[in-house]
Amino acid sequence: MFSHVVIFWTDPNNPKAADELIAGVNKYLKPIPGVLHYHVGKMAASHRPVVDQTYQVALNLVFPDKETQDDYQMHPMHLEFVEPSKRYADLIIPEGGHNKVAIDMVRTKISELLRERSGAPMPAASEARAV
């Protein structure tokens, strides 16, 4: 099994942005062949401070293998959905999960935000390390 997870932060000035995004995901991505499990939905509130609640929509797709996921990435309907959406993106990680530098940067930022929320002190420079 191969899981593909996408987190979306929508335009806070557009109250319909999350619903419009979900409609687009359902229209363009759901019909693409090869998906074993498909779920898209709005962020569910949590009382736990370690749960990121800043995003609005998440998409989780499960494929039988990476090759099927790669085919999905290049499917014309996927490209039709992604290309116009890029203009709304604040962050796009090229090469997906294979871009170690970008993933490390995002991981570091998320760790900082979680520490800020929890009130934990930032590690000293000598303690910080890239994962």
Protein backbone atom coordinates (compact mmCIF):
# COMPACT_ATOMS: atom_id res chain seq x y z
CA MET A 1 0.00 0.00 0.00
CA PHE A 2 1.10 3.55 -0.74
CA SER A 3 -0.54 6.56 0.90
CA HIS A 4 -0.66 10.06 -0.59
CA VAL A 5 -1.73 12.81 1.83
CA VAL A 6 -2.27 16.43 0.85
CA ILE A 7 -3.03 19.21 3.33
CA PHE A 8 -4.63 22.43 2.04
CA TRP A 9 -4.64 25.84 3.67
CA THR A 10 -7.33 27.81 1.87
CA ASP A 11 -7.80 31.55 1.41
CA PRO A 12 -9.03 32.95 4.73
CA ASN A 13 -10.72 35.81 2.85
CA ASN A 14 -12.96 33.39 0.96
CA PRO A 15 -15.47 31.68 3.29
CA LYS A 16 -16.44 29.26 0.49
CA ALA A 17 -12.84 28.27 -0.34
CA ALA A 18 -12.86 24.92 1.49
CA ASP A 19 -16.17 23.86 -0.07
CA GLU A 20 -15.02 24.94 -3.53
CA LEU A 21 -11.77 23.03 -3.11
CA ILE A 22 -13.58 19.87 -1.99
CA ALA A 23 -15.93 20.15 -4.98
CA GLY A 24 -12.90 20.40 -7.30
CA VAL A 25 -11.19 17.45 -5.66
CA ASN A 26 -14.34 15.35 -6.05
CA LYS A 27 -14.78 16.40 -9.68
CA TYR A 28 -11.19 15.98 -10.89
CA LEU A 29 -9.42 13.55 -8.55
CA LYS A 30 -12.00 11.05 -7.35
CA PRO A 31 -12.61 9.50 -10.81
CA ILE A 32 -8.91 8.82 -11.50
CA PRO A 33 -8.32 5.05 -11.68
CA GLY A 34 -6.04 3.17 -9.31
CA VAL A 35 -7.20 4.68 -6.00
CA LEU A 36 -8.07 2.03 -3.41
CA HIS A 37 -9.19 4.47 -0.71
CA TYR A 38 -10.31 8.07 -1.19
CA HIS A 39 -11.17 10.59 1.50
CA VAL A 40 -11.38 14.37 1.42
CA GLY A 41 -12.78 16.49 4.20
CA LYS A 42 -12.55 19.55 6.36
CA MET A 43 -10.28 19.74 9.38
CA ALA A 44 -11.91 18.24 12.47
CA ALA A 45 -11.40 20.32 15.60
CA SER A 46 -9.42 18.72 18.41
CA HIS A 47 -8.90 19.62 22.06
CA ARG A 48 -5.32 18.28 21.87
CA PRO A 49 -2.74 21.09 21.53
CA VAL A 50 -0.37 18.90 19.45
CA VAL A 51 -2.91 18.57 16.62
CA ASP A 52 -2.40 21.13 13.86
CA GLN A 53 -5.67 22.96 13.38
CA THR A 54 -4.48 25.63 10.95
CA TYR A 55 -5.40 23.84 7.72
CA GLN A 56 -8.89 23.64 6.25
CA VAL A 57 -8.97 20.55 4.00
CA ALA A 58 -7.12 17.23 3.87
CA LEU A 59 -7.02 14.64 1.12
CA ASN A 60 -5.92 11.06 1.73
CA LEU A 61 -5.54 8.61 -1.13
CA VAL A 62 -4.31 5.02 -0.88
CA PHE A 63 -2.84 3.22 -3.87
CA PRO A 64 -1.76 -0.40 -4.24
CA ASP A 65 1.84 0.71 -4.91
CA LYS A 66 4.04 3.69 -5.75
CA GLU A 67 3.85 3.03 -9.49
CA THR A 68 0.07 3.48 -9.42
CA GLN A 69 0.50 6.70 -7.43
CA ASP A 70 3.05 7.94 -9.98
CA ASP A 71 0.54 7.23 -12.77
CA TYR A 72 -2.09 9.18 -10.81
CA GLN A 73 0.28 12.18 -10.54
CA MET A 74 0.59 12.32 -14.33
CA HIS A 75 -3.08 11.62 -15.13
CA PRO A 76 -4.62 14.42 -17.23
CA MET A 77 -7.43 15.01 -14.70
CA HIS A 78 -4.89 15.40 -11.88
CA LEU A 79 -2.87 17.87 -13.93
CA GLU A 80 -6.06 19.75 -14.86
CA PHE A 81 -6.84 20.11 -11.14
CA VAL A 82 -3.32 20.99 -9.97
CA GLU A 83 -2.13 23.51 -12.55
CA PRO A 84 -4.77 26.23 -12.00
CA SER A 85 -4.64 25.65 -8.24
CA LYS A 86 -0.95 26.55 -8.06
CA ARG A 87 -1.76 30.25 -8.23
CA TYR A 88 -3.46 29.95 -4.83
CA ALA A 89 -0.64 28.02 -3.20
CA ASP A 90 1.68 29.59 -0.66
CA LEU A 91 3.87 26.50 -0.68
CA ILE A 92 4.40 23.73 -3.21
CA ILE A 93 6.92 20.98 -2.56
CA PRO A 94 8.28 19.77 -5.87
CA GLU A 95 8.98 16.05 -6.09
CA GLY A 96 6.56 15.42 -3.23
CA GLY A 97 7.97 13.20 -0.50
CA HIS A 98 11.26 12.79 -2.36
CA ASN A 99 12.37 16.38 -1.72
CA LYS A 100 14.30 15.92 1.54
CA VAL A 101 15.37 19.57 1.85
CA ALA A 102 11.80 20.88 1.53
CA ILE A 103 10.38 18.20 3.83
CA ASP A 104 13.00 19.02 6.48
CA MET A 105 12.11 22.72 6.24
CA VAL A 106 8.40 22.00 6.67
CA ARG A 107 9.12 19.58 9.54
CA THR A 108 11.21 22.24 11.30
CA LYS A 109 8.49 24.87 10.90
CA ILE A 110 5.78 22.54 12.19
CA SER A 111 7.96 21.60 15.19
CA GLU A 112 8.47 25.29 15.98
CA LEU A 113 4.75 25.98 15.79
CA LEU A 114 3.93 23.01 18.03
CA ARG A 115 6.55 24.12 20.58
CA GLU A 116 5.11 27.65 20.55
CA ARG A 117 1.62 26.27 21.16
CA SER A 118 2.73 24.02 23.98
CA GLY A 119 4.91 26.67 25.62
CA ALA A 120 7.97 24.42 25.48
CA PRO A 121 11.30 26.22 25.11
CA MET A 122 13.11 26.20 21.79
CA PRO A 123 16.15 23.89 21.77
CA ALA A 124 19.57 25.52 21.92
CA ALA A 125 21.39 25.72 18.60
CA SER A 126 23.71 22.93 19.76
CA GLU A 127 20.67 20.68 20.40
CA ALA A 128 18.93 21.38 17.10
CA ARG A 129 19.50 18.90 14.31
CA ALA A 130 18.05 18.11 10.92
CA VAL A 131 16.16 14.84 10.76
